[in-house]
Amino acid sequence: MAAILAPVLLRALTENGHVKANYRERSVAFPFGVLSVAGAVVALIPLALVERLELARVFHPETLTVAVYVLGVAFLGLVDDTLGGEPRGWRGHGRAVLNMRLSTGALKAAGSLGLALYATGYAGLSTGRWLLASAVLVLATNVFNLLDLRPGRATKVFVLLGAGLTIGAASVRPLWALGLFVGPALIAGVYDLRERAMLGDTGANLLGALAGLWLVLTLSELGLVVALAVLAAITVYGELRSITKLVERMPLLRELDSWGRP
């Protein structure tokens, strides 16, 4: 469904003036992350029928939890894409809140936390693991926003993370729960990588949500603690320094980061 909708959405965004200059000042369709949502929800039509008619088991027991969080943070990202602007960074958002001005970044952070607490509350976790899982979800969502500063970067990190978790756990079970959104997100990522469109916070939020959920569905409690520490370190670094400059200083990362771009 995402592959079918992609060229239609690309044309509609472009013709209606929904474009934005990328890092090379090239105008591209924006926010193309809406494709990830559109492809998933349209695909629910045949999938729900197959499940209801008992032709096959389609939905993982945790699919509803996944959908609540992923769709919620994608919406928050869309709000940021349409209403956001200055200020940037946590310090800027904090100043905006203190001055009683709208900060879509602060709204996104608070909304993501609320969604994470609500969604993971149905997973039957202990209180400690529930809070830990919620923190991982919120930070992962934010980290992928920090990564989405060059075409395809966030999608590449997502693919590498998913592959690592799948190989490490020797299980594709989490992918069953996430697959409804992973497929469309990868299609959108290809257009982003080829600089035909930009994901925007809509798409970056969605990728971050999927990454966080993949971590929560795969890792042990100790693994989540380690993941939380790594995500927190990236968040702090991204606030104080430039992740892009760090990537450009390291030849291997620079090569991986540029692979696939025009």
C-alpha atoms as a PDB file:
ATOM      1  CA  MET A   1       0.000   0.000   0.000  1.00  0.00           C
ATOM      2  CA  ALA A   2       2.817   2.415   0.815  1.00  0.00           C
ATOM      3  CA  ALA A   3       4.519   1.710  -2.512  1.00  0.00           C
ATOM      4  CA  ILE A   4       1.236   2.426  -4.326  1.00  0.00           C
ATOM      5  CA  LEU A   5       0.520   5.609  -2.368  1.00  0.00           C
ATOM      6  CA  ALA A   6       4.067   7.032  -2.450  1.00  0.00           C
ATOM      7  CA  PRO A   7       4.088   8.607  -5.948  1.00  0.00           C
ATOM      8  CA  VAL A   8       0.537   9.902  -5.478  1.00  0.00           C
ATOM      9  CA  LEU A   9       1.408  11.527  -2.162  1.00  0.00           C
ATOM     10  CA  LEU A  10       4.681  12.906  -3.544  1.00  0.00           C
ATOM     11  CA  ARG A  11       2.836  14.610  -6.395  1.00  0.00           C
ATOM     12  CA  ALA A  12       0.077  15.930  -4.115  1.00  0.00           C
ATOM     13  CA  LEU A  13       2.534  17.458  -1.635  1.00  0.00           C
ATOM     14  CA  THR A  14       4.580  19.070  -4.400  1.00  0.00           C
ATOM     15  CA  GLU A  15       1.615  20.452  -6.352  1.00  0.00           C
ATOM     16  CA  ASN A  16       0.075  21.946  -3.209  1.00  0.00           C
ATOM     17  CA  GLY A  17       3.262  23.686  -2.149  1.00  0.00           C
ATOM     18  CA  HIS A  18       4.141  21.375   0.728  1.00  0.00           C
ATOM     19  CA  VAL A  19       7.873  21.516   0.097  1.00  0.00           C
ATOM     20  CA  LYS A  20      10.921  22.423   2.153  1.00  0.00           C
ATOM     21  CA  ALA A  21      14.571  23.113   1.376  1.00  0.00           C
ATOM     22  CA  ASN A  22      16.863  20.275   2.469  1.00  0.00           C
ATOM     23  CA  TYR A  23      20.462  20.640   3.620  1.00  0.00           C
ATOM     24  CA  ARG A  24      21.559  21.305   0.029  1.00  0.00           C
ATOM     25  CA  GLU A  25      18.833  23.947  -0.406  1.00  0.00           C
ATOM     26  CA  ARG A  26      16.963  21.636  -2.754  1.00  0.00           C
ATOM     27  CA  SER A  27      13.169  21.888  -2.466  1.00  0.00           C
ATOM     28  CA  VAL A  28      11.593  18.504  -1.770  1.00  0.00           C
ATOM     29  CA  ALA A  29       8.158  17.232  -0.696  1.00  0.00           C
ATOM     30  CA  PHE A  30       7.522  17.644   3.036  1.00  0.00           C
ATOM     31  CA  PRO A  31       6.494  16.045   5.392  1.00  0.00           C
ATOM     32  CA  PHE A  32       6.702  12.708   3.610  1.00  0.00           C
ATOM     33  CA  GLY A  33       6.490  10.817   6.894  1.00  0.00           C
ATOM     34  CA  VAL A  34       2.705  10.904   6.508  1.00  0.00           C
ATOM     35  CA  LEU A  35       3.179   8.076   3.989  1.00  0.00           C
ATOM     36  CA  SER A  36       4.139   5.749   6.845  1.00  0.00           C
ATOM     37  CA  VAL A  37       0.827   6.418   8.563  1.00  0.00           C
ATOM     38  CA  ALA A  38      -1.271   6.393   5.395  1.00  0.00           C
ATOM     39  CA  GLY A  39       0.187   3.135   4.101  1.00  0.00           C
ATOM     40  CA  ALA A  40      -0.345   1.404   7.451  1.00  0.00           C
ATOM     41  CA  VAL A  41      -3.927   2.483   8.083  1.00  0.00           C
ATOM     42  CA  VAL A  42      -5.068   1.697   4.524  1.00  0.00           C
ATOM     43  CA  ALA A  43      -3.437  -1.734   4.787  1.00  0.00           C
ATOM     44  CA  LEU A  44      -5.588  -2.357   7.861  1.00  0.00           C
ATOM     45  CA  ILE A  45      -8.627  -2.844   5.606  1.00  0.00           C
ATOM     46  CA  PRO A  46      -7.572  -6.210   4.092  1.00  0.00           C
ATOM     47  CA  LEU A  47      -5.657  -7.230   7.221  1.00  0.00           C
ATOM     48  CA  ALA A  48      -8.631  -6.691   9.538  1.00  0.00           C
ATOM     49  CA  LEU A  49     -10.870  -8.656   7.180  1.00  0.00           C
ATOM     50  CA  VAL A  50      -8.409 -11.552   7.055  1.00  0.00           C
ATOM     51  CA  GLU A  51      -8.190 -11.581  10.848  1.00  0.00           C
ATOM     52  CA  ARG A  52     -11.958 -11.295  11.379  1.00  0.00           C
ATOM     53  CA  LEU A  53     -12.778 -14.029   8.883  1.00  0.00           C
ATOM     54  CA  GLU A  54     -10.161 -16.241  10.591  1.00  0.00           C
ATOM     55  CA  LEU A  55      -8.356 -16.871   7.312  1.00  0.00           C
ATOM     56  CA  ALA A  56      -5.040 -16.323   9.075  1.00  0.00           C
ATOM     57  CA  ARG A  57      -3.667 -14.887  12.288  1.00  0.00           C
ATOM     58  CA  VAL A  58      -2.438 -11.433  11.370  1.00  0.00           C
ATOM     59  CA  PHE A  59      -2.150  -9.255  14.444  1.00  0.00           C
ATOM     60  CA  HIS A  60       0.343  -9.791  17.236  1.00  0.00           C
ATOM     61  CA  PRO A  61      -1.175  -9.401  20.746  1.00  0.00           C
ATOM     62  CA  GLU A  62       0.894  -6.209  21.203  1.00  0.00           C
ATOM     63  CA  THR A  63      -0.142  -4.615  17.900  1.00  0.00           C
ATOM     64  CA  LEU A  64      -2.701  -2.330  19.578  1.00  0.00           C
ATOM     65  CA  THR A  65      -0.090  -1.042  22.027  1.00  0.00           C
ATOM     66  CA  VAL A  66       2.272  -0.422  19.128  1.00  0.00           C
ATOM     67  CA  ALA A  67      -0.405   1.369  17.090  1.00  0.00           C
ATOM     68  CA  VAL A  68      -1.414   3.668  19.948  1.00  0.00           C
ATOM     69  CA  TYR A  69       2.128   4.903  20.524  1.00  0.00           C
ATOM     70  CA  VAL A  70       3.258   5.037  16.895  1.00  0.00           C
ATOM     71  CA  LEU A  71       0.179   6.863  15.603  1.00  0.00           C
ATOM     72  CA  GLY A  72       0.210   9.226  18.569  1.00  0.00           C
ATOM     73  CA  VAL A  73       3.819  10.348  18.186  1.00  0.00           C
ATOM     74  CA  ALA A  74       3.430  10.595  14.411  1.00  0.00           C
ATOM     75  CA  PHE A  75       0.560  13.032  15.013  1.00  0.00           C
ATOM     76  CA  LEU A  76       2.710  15.041  17.446  1.00  0.00           C
ATOM     77  CA  GLY A  77       5.421  15.141  14.785  1.00  0.00           C
ATOM     78  CA  LEU A  78       2.907  16.415  12.236  1.00  0.00           C
ATOM     79  CA  VAL A  79       1.918  19.196  14.647  1.00  0.00           C
ATOM     80  CA  ASP A  80       5.591  20.140  14.910  1.00  0.00           C
ATOM     81  CA  ASP A  81       5.983  20.045  11.124  1.00  0.00           C
ATOM     82  CA  THR A  82       3.010  22.341  10.555  1.00  0.00           C
ATOM     83  CA  LEU A  83       3.190  24.693  13.561  1.00  0.00           C
ATOM     84  CA  GLY A  84       6.788  24.404  14.699  1.00  0.00           C
ATOM     85  CA  GLY A  85       9.662  26.772  14.146  1.00  0.00           C
ATOM     86  CA  GLU A  86      11.714  28.674  16.645  1.00  0.00           C
ATOM     87  CA  PRO A  87      12.795  27.946  19.314  1.00  0.00           C
ATOM     88  CA  ARG A  88      15.046  24.946  18.767  1.00  0.00           C
ATOM     89  CA  GLY A  89      16.688  22.700  21.356  1.00  0.00           C
ATOM     90  CA  TRP A  90      15.541  21.877  24.856  1.00  0.00           C
ATOM     91  CA  ARG A  91      16.802  25.149  26.277  1.00  0.00           C
ATOM     92  CA  GLY A  92      14.871  27.111  23.670  1.00  0.00           C
ATOM     93  CA  HIS A  93      11.722  25.097  24.294  1.00  0.00           C
ATOM     94  CA  GLY A  94      12.122  25.578  28.029  1.00  0.00           C
ATOM     95  CA  ARG A  95      12.364  29.344  27.627  1.00  0.00           C
ATOM     96  CA  ALA A  96       9.265  29.328  25.422  1.00  0.00           C
ATOM     97  CA  VAL A  97       7.259  27.427  28.025  1.00  0.00           C
ATOM     98  CA  LEU A  98       8.395  29.777  30.809  1.00  0.00           C
ATOM     99  CA  ASN A  99       7.345  32.741  28.663  1.00  0.00           C
ATOM    100  CA  MET A 100       3.924  31.146  28.056  1.00  0.00           C
ATOM    101  CA  ARG A 101       4.533  30.708  24.317  1.00  0.00           C
ATOM    102  CA  LEU A 102       3.645  27.655  22.250  1.00  0.00           C
ATOM    103  CA  SER A 103       6.508  25.190  22.035  1.00  0.00           C
ATOM    104  CA  THR A 104       5.707  22.270  19.781  1.00  0.00           C
ATOM    105  CA  GLY A 105       8.901  20.611  21.002  1.00  0.00           C
ATOM    106  CA  ALA A 106       7.729  20.719  24.617  1.00  0.00           C
ATOM    107  CA  LEU A 107       4.283  19.544  23.530  1.00  0.00           C
ATOM    108  CA  LYS A 108       5.885  16.679  21.653  1.00  0.00           C
ATOM    109  CA  ALA A 109       7.976  15.658  24.667  1.00  0.00           C
ATOM    110  CA  ALA A 110       5.048  15.782  27.097  1.00  0.00           C
ATOM    111  CA  GLY A 111       2.704  14.082  24.659  1.00  0.00           C
ATOM    112  CA  SER A 112       5.216  11.318  23.924  1.00  0.00           C
ATOM    113  CA  LEU A 113       5.604  10.647  27.645  1.00  0.00           C
ATOM    114  CA  GLY A 114       1.850  10.462  28.129  1.00  0.00           C
ATOM    115  CA  LEU A 115       1.469   8.110  25.181  1.00  0.00           C
ATOM    116  CA  ALA A 116       4.361   5.934  26.363  1.00  0.00           C
ATOM    117  CA  LEU A 117       2.951   5.595  29.888  1.00  0.00           C
ATOM    118  CA  TYR A 118      -0.500   4.809  28.513  1.00  0.00           C
ATOM    119  CA  ALA A 119       0.582   2.372  25.804  1.00  0.00           C
ATOM    120  CA  THR A 120       2.999   0.339  27.933  1.00  0.00           C
ATOM    121  CA  GLY A 121       0.456   0.252  30.761  1.00  0.00           C
ATOM    122  CA  TYR A 122      -1.372  -2.482  28.838  1.00  0.00           C
ATOM    123  CA  ALA A 123       1.705  -4.687  28.480  1.00  0.00           C
ATOM    124  CA  GLY A 124       1.403  -6.268  31.933  1.00  0.00           C
ATOM    125  CA  LEU A 125       4.778  -4.979  33.126  1.00  0.00           C
ATOM    126  CA  SER A 126       5.934  -4.434  36.696  1.00  0.00           C
ATOM    127  CA  THR A 127       5.959  -0.796  37.802  1.00  0.00           C
ATOM    128  CA  GLY A 128       9.740  -0.524  37.475  1.00  0.00           C
ATOM    129  CA  ARG A 129       9.867  -2.035  33.997  1.00  0.00           C
ATOM    130  CA  TRP A 130       6.851   0.033  32.952  1.00  0.00           C
ATOM    131  CA  LEU A 131       8.642   3.273  33.856  1.00  0.00           C
ATOM    132  CA  LEU A 132      11.865   2.038  32.262  1.00  0.00           C
ATOM    133  CA  ALA A 133      10.115   1.067  29.038  1.00  0.00           C
ATOM    134  CA  SER A 134       8.317   4.416  28.896  1.00  0.00           C
ATOM    135  CA  ALA A 135      11.601   6.300  29.310  1.00  0.00           C
ATOM    136  CA  VAL A 136      13.216   4.270  26.522  1.00  0.00           C
ATOM    137  CA  LEU A 137      10.302   5.009  24.193  1.00  0.00           C
ATOM    138  CA  VAL A 138      10.421   8.765  24.812  1.00  0.00           C
ATOM    139  CA  LEU A 139      14.204   9.053  24.430  1.00  0.00           C
ATOM    140  CA  ALA A 140      14.292   6.843  21.328  1.00  0.00           C
ATOM    141  CA  THR A 141      11.633   9.037  19.715  1.00  0.00           C
ATOM    142  CA  ASN A 142      13.712  12.142  20.444  1.00  0.00           C
ATOM    143  CA  VAL A 143      17.013  10.591  19.329  1.00  0.00           C
ATOM    144  CA  PHE A 144      15.660   9.806  15.867  1.00  0.00           C
ATOM    145  CA  ASN A 145      14.592  13.428  15.558  1.00  0.00           C
ATOM    146  CA  LEU A 146      18.194  14.400  16.293  1.00  0.00           C
ATOM    147  CA  LEU A 147      19.451  11.934  13.674  1.00  0.00           C
ATOM    148  CA  ASP A 148      17.106  13.115  10.932  1.00  0.00           C
ATOM    149  CA  LEU A 149      19.347  15.928   9.693  1.00  0.00           C
ATOM    150  CA  ARG A 150      20.600  14.244   6.533  1.00  0.00           C
ATOM    151  CA  PRO A 151      18.720  12.213   3.905  1.00  0.00           C
ATOM    152  CA  GLY A 152      18.272   8.580   4.882  1.00  0.00           C
ATOM    153  CA  ARG A 153      20.305   8.788   8.102  1.00  0.00           C
ATOM    154  CA  ALA A 154      17.440   7.964  10.480  1.00  0.00           C
ATOM    155  CA  THR A 155      16.226   5.102   8.275  1.00  0.00           C
ATOM    156  CA  LYS A 156      19.718   3.584   8.052  1.00  0.00           C
ATOM    157  CA  VAL A 157      20.149   3.679  11.832  1.00  0.00           C
ATOM    158  CA  PHE A 158      16.715   2.109  12.235  1.00  0.00           C
ATOM    159  CA  VAL A 159      17.554  -0.734   9.837  1.00  0.00           C
ATOM    160  CA  LEU A 160      20.887  -1.407  11.553  1.00  0.00           C
ATOM    161  CA  LEU A 161      19.253  -1.360  14.990  1.00  0.00           C
ATOM    162  CA  GLY A 162      16.473  -3.692  13.890  1.00  0.00           C
ATOM    163  CA  ALA A 163      18.909  -6.095  12.272  1.00  0.00           C
ATOM    164  CA  GLY A 164      21.112  -6.095  15.378  1.00  0.00           C
ATOM    165  CA  LEU A 165      18.201  -6.739  17.719  1.00  0.00           C
ATOM    166  CA  THR A 166      16.807  -9.488  15.488  1.00  0.00           C
ATOM    167  CA  ILE A 167      20.161 -11.259  15.139  1.00  0.00           C
ATOM    168  CA  GLY A 168      21.020 -10.798  18.807  1.00  0.00           C
ATOM    169  CA  ALA A 169      17.701 -12.178  20.011  1.00  0.00           C
ATOM    170  CA  ALA A 170      17.515 -14.770  17.217  1.00  0.00           C
ATOM    171  CA  SER A 171      13.832 -13.912  16.877  1.00  0.00           C
ATOM    172  CA  VAL A 172      11.597 -12.058  14.453  1.00  0.00           C
ATOM    173  CA  ARG A 173       8.680 -11.994  16.896  1.00  0.00           C
ATOM    174  CA  PRO A 174       8.914  -8.230  17.628  1.00  0.00           C
ATOM    175  CA  LEU A 175       8.869  -7.530  13.899  1.00  0.00           C
ATOM    176  CA  TRP A 176       5.474  -9.225  13.741  1.00  0.00           C
ATOM    177  CA  ALA A 177       4.090  -6.577  16.088  1.00  0.00           C
ATOM    178  CA  LEU A 178       5.863  -3.708  14.310  1.00  0.00           C
ATOM    179  CA  GLY A 179       5.589  -4.839  10.707  1.00  0.00           C
ATOM    180  CA  LEU A 180       2.413  -2.891   9.961  1.00  0.00           C
ATOM    181  CA  PHE A 181       4.430   0.333  10.257  1.00  0.00           C
ATOM    182  CA  VAL A 182       7.947  -0.866   9.414  1.00  0.00           C
ATOM    183  CA  GLY A 183       7.093  -1.594   5.771  1.00  0.00           C
ATOM    184  CA  PRO A 184       5.650   1.869   4.997  1.00  0.00           C
ATOM    185  CA  ALA A 185       8.444   3.553   6.979  1.00  0.00           C
ATOM    186  CA  LEU A 186      11.076   1.852   4.822  1.00  0.00           C
ATOM    187  CA  ILE A 187       9.310   2.935   1.631  1.00  0.00           C
ATOM    188  CA  ALA A 188       9.234   6.529   2.891  1.00  0.00           C
ATOM    189  CA  GLY A 189      12.893   6.174   3.862  1.00  0.00           C
ATOM    190  CA  VAL A 190      13.892   5.326   0.294  1.00  0.00           C
ATOM    191  CA  TYR A 191      12.337   8.558  -0.999  1.00  0.00           C
ATOM    192  CA  ASP A 192      14.083  10.446   1.804  1.00  0.00           C
ATOM    193  CA  LEU A 193      17.437   8.846   1.005  1.00  0.00           C
ATOM    194  CA  ARG A 194      17.153   9.705  -2.678  1.00  0.00           C
ATOM    195  CA  GLU A 195      16.344  13.337  -1.759  1.00  0.00           C
ATOM    196  CA  ARG A 196      12.946  13.244  -3.393  1.00  0.00           C
ATOM    197  CA  ALA A 197      11.213  14.047  -0.097  1.00  0.00           C
ATOM    198  CA  MET A 198      11.858  14.783   3.578  1.00  0.00           C
ATOM    199  CA  LEU A 199      10.386  12.689   6.382  1.00  0.00           C
ATOM    200  CA  GLY A 200       9.902  15.636   8.699  1.00  0.00           C
ATOM    201  CA  ASP A 201       9.249  15.137  12.383  1.00  0.00           C
ATOM    202  CA  THR A 202       6.227  13.040  11.382  1.00  0.00           C
ATOM    203  CA  GLY A 203       8.433  10.358   9.870  1.00  0.00           C
ATOM    204  CA  ALA A 204      11.352  10.746  12.280  1.00  0.00           C
ATOM    205  CA  ASN A 205       9.016  10.440  15.273  1.00  0.00           C
ATOM    206  CA  LEU A 206       7.501   7.318  13.785  1.00  0.00           C
ATOM    207  CA  LEU A 207      10.912   5.729  13.204  1.00  0.00           C
ATOM    208  CA  GLY A 208      11.966   6.602  16.738  1.00  0.00           C
ATOM    209  CA  ALA A 209       8.767   5.122  18.127  1.00  0.00           C
ATOM    210  CA  LEU A 210       9.339   1.884  16.223  1.00  0.00           C
ATOM    211  CA  ALA A 211      12.964   1.752  17.361  1.00  0.00           C
ATOM    212  CA  GLY A 212      11.970   2.269  20.994  1.00  0.00           C
ATOM    213  CA  LEU A 213       9.242  -0.354  20.786  1.00  0.00           C
ATOM    214  CA  TRP A 214      11.660  -2.802  19.172  1.00  0.00           C
ATOM    215  CA  LEU A 215      14.031  -2.288  22.106  1.00  0.00           C
ATOM    216  CA  VAL A 216      11.236  -2.745  24.647  1.00  0.00           C
ATOM    217  CA  LEU A 217       9.898  -5.892  22.970  1.00  0.00           C
ATOM    218  CA  THR A 218      13.359  -7.466  22.654  1.00  0.00           C
ATOM    219  CA  LEU A 219      15.596  -6.520  25.566  1.00  0.00           C
ATOM    220  CA  SER A 220      15.729  -7.735  29.143  1.00  0.00           C
ATOM    221  CA  GLU A 221      15.426  -5.268  31.995  1.00  0.00           C
ATOM    222  CA  LEU A 222      19.216  -4.915  32.159  1.00  0.00           C
ATOM    223  CA  GLY A 223      19.316  -4.414  28.404  1.00  0.00           C
ATOM    224  CA  LEU A 224      16.750  -1.627  28.699  1.00  0.00           C
ATOM    225  CA  VAL A 225      18.860   0.076  31.355  1.00  0.00           C
ATOM    226  CA  VAL A 226      21.857   0.022  28.999  1.00  0.00           C
ATOM    227  CA  ALA A 227      19.696   1.242  26.097  1.00  0.00           C
ATOM    228  CA  LEU A 228      18.356   4.070  28.250  1.00  0.00           C
ATOM    229  CA  ALA A 229      21.885   5.158  29.180  1.00  0.00           C
ATOM    230  CA  VAL A 230      22.996   5.158  25.530  1.00  0.00           C
ATOM    231  CA  LEU A 231      19.904   7.072  24.401  1.00  0.00           C
ATOM    232  CA  ALA A 232      20.378   9.611  27.195  1.00  0.00           C
ATOM    233  CA  ALA A 233      24.036  10.103  26.222  1.00  0.00           C
ATOM    234  CA  ILE A 234      23.092  10.685  22.559  1.00  0.00           C
ATOM    235  CA  THR A 235      20.365  13.116  23.617  1.00  0.00           C
ATOM    236  CA  VAL A 236      22.735  15.165  25.750  1.00  0.00           C
ATOM    237  CA  TYR A 237      25.433  15.135  23.056  1.00  0.00           C
ATOM    238  CA  GLY A 238      22.924  16.180  20.396  1.00  0.00           C
ATOM    239  CA  GLU A 239      21.808  19.073  22.574  1.00  0.00           C
ATOM    240  CA  LEU A 240      25.331  20.349  23.235  1.00  0.00           C
ATOM    241  CA  ARG A 241      27.193  19.319  20.072  1.00  0.00           C
ATOM    242  CA  SER A 242      26.533  18.527  16.417  1.00  0.00           C
ATOM    243  CA  ILE A 243      25.937  14.864  15.557  1.00  0.00           C
ATOM    244  CA  THR A 244      26.497  15.686  11.886  1.00  0.00           C
ATOM    245  CA  LYS A 245      29.961  17.112  12.596  1.00  0.00           C
ATOM    246  CA  LEU A 246      30.794  14.003  14.620  1.00  0.00           C
ATOM    247  CA  VAL A 247      29.771  11.771  11.705  1.00  0.00           C
ATOM    248  CA  GLU A 248      31.815  13.835   9.241  1.00  0.00           C
ATOM    249  CA  ARG A 249      34.945  13.478  11.398  1.00  0.00           C
ATOM    250  CA  MET A 250      34.808   9.649  11.303  1.00  0.00           C
ATOM    251  CA  PRO A 251      35.540   8.124   7.852  1.00  0.00           C
ATOM    252  CA  LEU A 252      33.507   4.926   8.333  1.00  0.00           C
ATOM    253  CA  LEU A 253      30.458   6.760   9.649  1.00  0.00           C
ATOM    254  CA  ARG A 254      30.814   9.395   6.934  1.00  0.00           C
ATOM    255  CA  GLU A 255      30.842   6.700   4.242  1.00  0.00           C
ATOM    256  CA  LEU A 256      27.830   4.890   5.676  1.00  0.00           C
ATOM    257  CA  ASP A 257      25.982   8.170   6.140  1.00  0.00           C
ATOM    258  CA  SER A 258      26.467   9.232   2.514  1.00  0.00           C
ATOM    259  CA  TRP A 259      25.772   5.836   0.941  1.00  0.00           C
ATOM    260  CA  GLY A 260      22.770   5.822  -1.375  1.00  0.00           C
ATOM    261  CA  ARG A 261      22.372   9.578  -1.745  1.00  0.00           C
ATOM    262  CA  PRO A 262      22.386  11.204  -5.192  1.00  0.00           C
END
